[in-house]
PDB file of N, CA and C in Angstrom:
ATOM      1  N   MET A   1    -125.353   1.413 150.989  1.00  0.00           N
ATOM      2  CA  MET A   1    -124.355   2.426 150.717  1.00  0.00           C
ATOM      3  C   MET A   1    -125.023   3.709 150.237  1.00  0.00           C
ATOM      4  N   ALA A   2    -124.613   4.790 150.800  1.00  0.00           N
ATOM      5  CA  ALA A   2    -125.171   6.070 150.393  1.00  0.00           C
ATOM      6  C   ALA A   2    -124.561   6.514 149.068  1.00  0.00           C
ATOM      7  N   LYS A   3    -125.249   7.390 148.414  1.00  0.00           N
ATOM      8  CA  LYS A   3    -124.741   7.893 147.126  1.00  0.00           C
ATOM      9  C   LYS A   3    -123.404   8.590 147.356  1.00  0.00           C
ATOM     10  N   GLY A   4    -122.468   8.355 146.482  1.00  0.00           N
ATOM     11  CA  GLY A   4    -121.151   8.977 146.645  1.00  0.00           C
ATOM     12  C   GLY A   4    -120.160   8.064 147.349  1.00  0.00           C
ATOM     13  N   GLU A   5    -120.672   7.009 147.987  1.00  0.00           N
ATOM     14  CA  GLU A   5    -119.770   6.051 148.630  1.00  0.00           C
ATOM     15  C   GLU A   5    -119.484   4.924 147.652  1.00  0.00           C
ATOM     16  N   GLY A   6    -118.665   3.989 148.074  1.00  0.00           N
ATOM     17  CA  GLY A   6    -118.405   2.849 147.202  1.00  0.00           C
ATOM     18  C   GLY A   6    -116.923   2.676 147.003  1.00  0.00           C
ATOM     19  N   PHE A   7    -116.538   2.423 145.772  1.00  0.00           N
ATOM     20  CA  PHE A   7    -115.142   2.165 145.483  1.00  0.00           C
ATOM     21  C   PHE A   7    -114.383   3.472 145.386  1.00  0.00           C
ATOM     22  N   GLU A   8    -113.494   3.694 146.341  1.00  0.00           N
ATOM     23  CA  GLU A   8    -112.717   4.928 146.348  1.00  0.00           C
ATOM     24  C   GLU A   8    -111.638   4.912 145.269  1.00  0.00           C
ATOM     25  N   ARG A   9    -111.415   3.755 144.660  1.00  0.00           N
ATOM     26  CA  ARG A   9    -110.386   3.612 143.631  1.00  0.00           C
ATOM     27  C   ARG A   9    -110.979   3.712 142.234  1.00  0.00           C
ATOM     28  N   HIS A  10    -112.139   4.323 142.106  1.00  0.00           N
ATOM     29  CA  HIS A  10    -112.858   4.369 140.841  1.00  0.00           C
ATOM     30  C   HIS A  10    -111.972   4.819 139.678  1.00  0.00           C
ATOM     31  N   ARG A  11    -111.924   3.979 138.644  1.00  0.00           N
ATOM     32  CA  ARG A  11    -111.192   4.274 137.411  1.00  0.00           C
ATOM     33  C   ARG A  11    -109.683   4.461 137.587  1.00  0.00           C
ATOM     34  N   GLN A  12    -109.136   3.897 138.642  1.00  0.00           N
ATOM     35  CA  GLN A  12    -107.691   3.981 138.847  1.00  0.00           C
ATOM     36  C   GLN A  12    -106.992   2.977 137.955  1.00  0.00           C
ATOM     37  N   PRO A  13    -105.820   3.329 137.418  1.00  0.00           N
ATOM     38  CA  PRO A  13    -105.087   2.347 136.607  1.00  0.00           C
ATOM     39  C   PRO A  13    -104.608   1.185 137.479  1.00  0.00           C
ATOM     40  N   TRP A  14    -104.478   0.027 136.867  1.00  0.00           N
ATOM     41  CA  TRP A  14    -104.005  -1.152 137.593  1.00  0.00           C
ATOM     42  C   TRP A  14    -102.498  -1.047 137.812  1.00  0.00           C
ATOM     43  N   THR A  15    -102.061  -1.341 139.020  1.00  0.00           N
ATOM     44  CA  THR A  15    -100.620  -1.336 139.304  1.00  0.00           C
ATOM     45  C   THR A  15    -100.059  -2.723 138.965  1.00  0.00           C
ATOM     46  N   PRO A  16     -98.761  -2.801 138.663  1.00  0.00           N
ATOM     47  CA  PRO A  16     -98.163  -4.118 138.395  1.00  0.00           C
ATOM     48  C   PRO A  16     -98.389  -5.095 139.546  1.00  0.00           C
ATOM     49  N   ASP A  17     -98.388  -4.597 140.779  1.00  0.00           N
ATOM     50  CA  ASP A  17     -98.608  -5.432 141.958  1.00  0.00           C
ATOM     51  C   ASP A  17    -100.021  -6.026 141.956  1.00  0.00           C
ATOM     52  N   GLU A  18    -101.000  -5.193 141.619  1.00  0.00           N
ATOM     53  CA  GLU A  18    -102.389  -5.667 141.558  1.00  0.00           C
ATOM     54  C   GLU A  18    -102.552  -6.720 140.460  1.00  0.00           C
ATOM     55  N   ILE A  19    -101.915  -6.489 139.329  1.00  0.00           N
ATOM     56  CA  ILE A  19    -102.010  -7.430 138.209  1.00  0.00           C
ATOM     57  C   ILE A  19    -101.396  -8.777 138.610  1.00  0.00           C
ATOM     58  N   GLN A  20    -100.268  -8.712 139.299  1.00  0.00           N
ATOM     59  CA  GLN A  20     -99.596  -9.930 139.781  1.00  0.00           C
ATOM     60  C   GLN A  20    -100.522 -10.708 140.716  1.00  0.00           C
ATOM     61  N   LYS A  21    -101.155  -9.986 141.659  1.00  0.00           N
ATOM     62  CA  LYS A  21    -102.074 -10.625 142.611  1.00  0.00           C
ATOM     63  C   LYS A  21    -103.277 -11.227 141.887  1.00  0.00           C
ATOM     64  N   LEU A  22    -103.803 -10.508 140.898  1.00  0.00           N
ATOM     65  CA  LEU A  22    -104.926 -11.008 140.118  1.00  0.00           C
ATOM     66  C   LEU A  22    -104.558 -12.329 139.445  1.00  0.00           C
ATOM     67  N   HIS A  23    -103.402 -12.365 138.817  1.00  0.00           N
ATOM     68  CA  HIS A  23    -102.941 -13.583 138.132  1.00  0.00           C
ATOM     69  C   HIS A  23    -102.788 -14.742 139.121  1.00  0.00           C
ATOM     70  N   THR A  24    -102.179 -14.462 140.262  1.00  0.00           N
ATOM     71  CA  THR A  24    -101.952 -15.485 141.281  1.00  0.00           C
ATOM     72  C   THR A  24    -103.283 -16.054 141.789  1.00  0.00           C
ATOM     73  N   MET A  25    -104.200 -15.157 142.142  1.00  0.00           N
ATOM     74  CA  MET A  25    -105.487 -15.608 142.691  1.00  0.00           C
ATOM     75  C   MET A  25    -106.319 -16.342 141.640  1.00  0.00           C
ATOM     76  N   ALA A  26    -106.277 -15.875 140.391  1.00  0.00           N
ATOM     77  CA  ALA A  26    -107.029 -16.542 139.322  1.00  0.00           C
ATOM     78  C   ALA A  26    -106.494 -17.954 139.100  1.00  0.00           C
ATOM     79  N   LYS A  27    -105.168 -18.102 139.138  1.00  0.00           N
ATOM     80  CA  LYS A  27    -104.549 -19.418 138.940  1.00  0.00           C
ATOM     81  C   LYS A  27    -104.885 -20.375 140.081  1.00  0.00           C
ATOM     82  N   LYS A  28    -105.102 -19.827 141.281  1.00  0.00           N
ATOM     83  CA  LYS A  28    -105.470 -20.661 142.430  1.00  0.00           C
ATOM     84  C   LYS A  28    -106.932 -21.080 142.363  1.00  0.00           C
ATOM     85  N   GLY A  29    -107.667 -20.497 141.418  1.00  0.00           N
ATOM     86  CA  GLY A  29    -109.073 -20.860 141.256  1.00  0.00           C
ATOM     87  C   GLY A  29    -110.026 -20.113 142.173  1.00  0.00           C
ATOM     88  N   MET A  30    -109.599 -18.956 142.660  1.00  0.00           N
ATOM     89  CA  MET A  30    -110.479 -18.165 143.525  1.00  0.00           C
ATOM     90  C   MET A  30    -111.641 -17.583 142.721  1.00  0.00           C
ATOM     91  N   ALA A  31    -112.743 -17.325 143.398  1.00  0.00           N
ATOM     92  CA  ALA A  31    -113.931 -16.776 142.758  1.00  0.00           C
ATOM     93  C   ALA A  31    -113.754 -15.284 142.484  1.00  0.00           C
ATOM     94  N   LEU A  32    -114.457 -14.802 141.489  1.00  0.00           N
ATOM     95  CA  LEU A  32    -114.398 -13.397 141.102  1.00  0.00           C
ATOM     96  C   LEU A  32    -114.671 -12.464 142.280  1.00  0.00           C
ATOM     97  N   LYS A  33    -115.704 -12.777 143.039  1.00  0.00           N
ATOM     98  CA  LYS A  33    -116.093 -11.931 144.171  1.00  0.00           C
ATOM     99  C   LYS A  33    -114.960 -11.815 145.191  1.00  0.00           C
ATOM    100  N   ALA A  34    -114.315 -12.936 145.485  1.00  0.00           N
ATOM    101  CA  ALA A  34    -113.216 -12.955 146.455  1.00  0.00           C
ATOM    102  C   ALA A  34    -111.999 -12.172 145.945  1.00  0.00           C
ATOM    103  N   ILE A  35    -111.700 -12.332 144.674  1.00  0.00           N
ATOM    104  CA  ILE A  35    -110.562 -11.625 144.076  1.00  0.00           C
ATOM    105  C   ILE A  35    -110.824 -10.123 144.084  1.00  0.00           C
ATOM    106  N   ALA A  36    -112.015  -9.735 143.657  1.00  0.00           N
ATOM    107  CA  ALA A  36    -112.380  -8.311 143.610  1.00  0.00           C
ATOM    108  C   ALA A  36    -112.280  -7.681 144.992  1.00  0.00           C
ATOM    109  N   LYS A  37    -112.769  -8.401 145.999  1.00  0.00           N
ATOM    110  CA  LYS A  37    -112.736  -7.886 147.368  1.00  0.00           C
ATOM    111  C   LYS A  37    -111.295  -7.751 147.859  1.00  0.00           C
ATOM    112  N   ALA A  38    -110.468  -8.748 147.577  1.00  0.00           N
ATOM    113  CA  ALA A  38    -109.074  -8.733 148.001  1.00  0.00           C
ATOM    114  C   ALA A  38    -108.298  -7.575 147.357  1.00  0.00           C
ATOM    115  N   LEU A  39    -108.653  -7.252 146.114  1.00  0.00           N
ATOM    116  CA  LEU A  39    -107.966  -6.175 145.394  1.00  0.00           C
ATOM    117  C   LEU A  39    -108.624  -4.810 145.605  1.00  0.00           C
ATOM    118  N   LYS A  40    -109.748  -4.799 146.346  1.00  0.00           N
ATOM    119  CA  LYS A  40    -110.537  -3.575 146.556  1.00  0.00           C
ATOM    120  C   LYS A  40    -110.931  -2.955 145.215  1.00  0.00           C
ATOM    121  N   ARG A  41    -111.387  -3.834 144.319  1.00  0.00           N
ATOM    122  CA  ARG A  41    -111.846  -3.428 142.990  1.00  0.00           C
ATOM    123  C   ARG A  41    -113.254  -3.955 142.785  1.00  0.00           C
ATOM    124  N   SER A  42    -113.970  -3.367 141.841  1.00  0.00           N
ATOM    125  CA  SER A  42    -115.300  -3.884 141.534  1.00  0.00           C
ATOM    126  C   SER A  42    -115.158  -5.215 140.788  1.00  0.00           C
ATOM    127  N   GLU A  43    -116.192  -6.024 140.855  1.00  0.00           N
ATOM    128  CA  GLU A  43    -116.170  -7.310 140.139  1.00  0.00           C
ATOM    129  C   GLU A  43    -116.046  -7.056 138.644  1.00  0.00           C
ATOM    130  N   GLU A  44    -116.718  -6.016 138.171  1.00  0.00           N
ATOM    131  CA  GLU A  44    -116.696  -5.668 136.745  1.00  0.00           C
ATOM    132  C   GLU A  44    -115.276  -5.330 136.298  1.00  0.00           C
ATOM    133  N   SER A  45    -114.617  -4.493 137.065  1.00  0.00           N
ATOM    134  CA  SER A  45    -113.244  -4.088 136.756  1.00  0.00           C
ATOM    135  C   SER A  45    -112.300  -5.291 136.772  1.00  0.00           C
ATOM    136  N   THR A  46    -112.467  -6.142 137.778  1.00  0.00           N
ATOM    137  CA  THR A  46    -111.627  -7.334 137.921  1.00  0.00           C
ATOM    138  C   THR A  46    -111.842  -8.280 136.743  1.00  0.00           C
ATOM    139  N   LYS A  47    -113.105  -8.469 136.375  1.00  0.00           N
ATOM    140  CA  LYS A  47    -113.444  -9.355 135.262  1.00  0.00           C
ATOM    141  C   LYS A  47    -112.857  -8.816 133.950  1.00  0.00           C
ATOM    142  N   ASP A  48    -112.980  -7.503 133.744  1.00  0.00           N
ATOM    143  CA  ASP A  48    -112.449  -6.876 132.527  1.00  0.00           C
ATOM    144  C   ASP A  48    -110.936  -7.020 132.434  1.00  0.00           C
ATOM    145  N   ARG A  49    -110.247  -6.816 133.569  1.00  0.00           N
ATOM    146  CA  ARG A  49    -108.786  -6.925 133.564  1.00  0.00           C
ATOM    147  C   ARG A  49    -108.351  -8.367 133.304  1.00  0.00           C
ATOM    148  N   ALA A  50    -109.056  -9.317 133.906  1.00  0.00           N
ATOM    149  CA  ALA A  50    -108.732 -10.727 133.707  1.00  0.00           C
ATOM    150  C   ALA A  50    -108.915 -11.105 132.234  1.00  0.00           C
ATOM    151  N   LYS A  51    -109.986 -10.614 131.640  1.00  0.00           N
ATOM    152  CA  LYS A  51    -110.268 -10.893 130.232  1.00  0.00           C
ATOM    153  C   LYS A  51    -109.167 -10.291 129.351  1.00  0.00           C
ATOM    154  N   GLN A  52    -108.772  -9.083 129.675  1.00  0.00           N
ATOM    155  CA  GLN A  52    -107.716  -8.377 128.947  1.00  0.00           C
ATOM    156  C   GLN A  52    -106.400  -9.164 128.995  1.00  0.00           C
ATOM    157  N   ASP A  53    -106.142  -9.797 130.138  1.00  0.00           N
ATOM    158  CA  ASP A  53    -104.912 -10.563 130.321  1.00  0.00           C
ATOM    159  C   ASP A  53    -105.056 -12.033 129.930  1.00  0.00           C
ATOM    160  N   GLY A  54    -106.232 -12.401 129.434  1.00  0.00           N
ATOM    161  CA  GLY A  54    -106.464 -13.766 129.000  1.00  0.00           C
ATOM    162  C   GLY A  54    -106.595 -14.772 130.129  1.00  0.00           C
ATOM    163  N   LEU A  55    -107.044 -14.293 131.294  1.00  0.00           N
ATOM    164  CA  LEU A  55    -107.217 -15.181 132.451  1.00  0.00           C
ATOM    165  C   LEU A  55    -108.652 -15.658 132.527  1.00  0.00           C
ATOM    166  N   SER A  56    -108.841 -16.846 133.067  1.00  0.00           N
ATOM    167  CA  SER A  56    -110.213 -17.284 133.327  1.00  0.00           C
ATOM    168  C   SER A  56    -110.387 -17.336 134.834  1.00  0.00           C
ATOM    169  N   ILE A  57    -111.503 -16.789 135.283  1.00  0.00           N
ATOM    170  CA  ILE A  57    -111.799 -16.733 136.714  1.00  0.00           C
ATOM    171  C   ILE A  57    -112.951 -17.678 137.004  1.00  0.00           C
ATOM    172  N   ALA A  58    -112.794 -18.430 138.078  1.00  0.00           N
ATOM    173  CA  ALA A  58    -113.810 -19.413 138.471  1.00  0.00           C
ATOM    174  C   ALA A  58    -115.120 -18.720 138.796  1.00  0.00           C
ATOM    175  N   LYS A  59    -116.211 -19.314 138.361  1.00  0.00           N
ATOM    176  CA  LYS A  59    -117.543 -18.797 138.682  1.00  0.00           C
ATOM    177  C   LYS A  59    -118.060 -19.584 139.883  1.00  0.00           C
ATOM    178  N   LEU A  60    -118.649 -18.880 140.826  1.00  0.00           N
ATOM    179  CA  LEU A  60    -119.231 -19.568 141.975  1.00  0.00           C
ATOM    180  C   LEU A  60    -120.539 -20.226 141.554  1.00  0.00           C
ATOM    181  N   ARG A  61    -120.742 -21.436 141.982  1.00  0.00           N
ATOM    182  CA  ARG A  61    -121.991 -22.129 141.638  1.00  0.00           C
ATOM    183  C   ARG A  61    -122.810 -22.332 142.881  1.00  0.00           C
TER     184      ARG A  61
END
């Protein structure tokens, strides 16, 4: 990726729809990487939001 590319949603607030999807996918036991990709968010952002909401996300082994 060239400099300046990447997540076009940088620092965007989470929408209620995204939060709902995060909760659903976390409960299904999906991996962080898969959830982040599905939400078009960084893994860091996804992990932080899950932690904020008290969710645990499966770690890939």
